[in-house]
Amino acid sequence: MSTATATATATTTATAATATTTATAATVGPSPAAAAGKRTRAWLVLLLAGILEVGYALAVGGSQGFTILSWSIVAVVFFLLTLLALSISLRTIDVGIGYAVWAGIGAVGAALLGPVFFPETLTLGKAAWLALIIGGVVWLKLSDRPTAESTER
């Protein structure tokens, strides 16, 4: 065997070994710290989506059925931003959990801020039911533990 053939064979073997090692490392997945960081970022984006949902709900109320142009434009912008943030967070968080948390944040935020911006009232009874929603959102977050399957997304 010539020197050039031996060198080519050695190079091919080394390249195949490197490709196998790289492929094996890629299938292992992210480290636990990286997966936790990804989930934390997803929850922060979901929180942002919920805040944007509050803005959307308040802007829809201010638009009076989309009859006031300025409020209507604000509502459309908030709507698009909240859906973008929600869809980004749902890449990591389960859809059922993420949607429930997003809707809960939006509902509570709109109910709490509605009386600030509009002629609405917040009674003790409404506040109690809102507290129940808040508790549900907190428990949903606490129950969202990563599984082997969810960390592979």
Foldseek 3Di string as FASTA:
>chain_A
DDPVVVVVVVVVVVVVVVVVVVVVVVVVADDPVVLVVLLVVLVVLLVVLLVLLLQLVVLCVVCVNVVNPVSVVSNVVSVVSSVVSLVVSCLQFPPVLSVLLSVLSNVLSNLVCVVVVHVDDQDPVNVVVNVVSVVVNVVSVVPRDDDPVSSRD
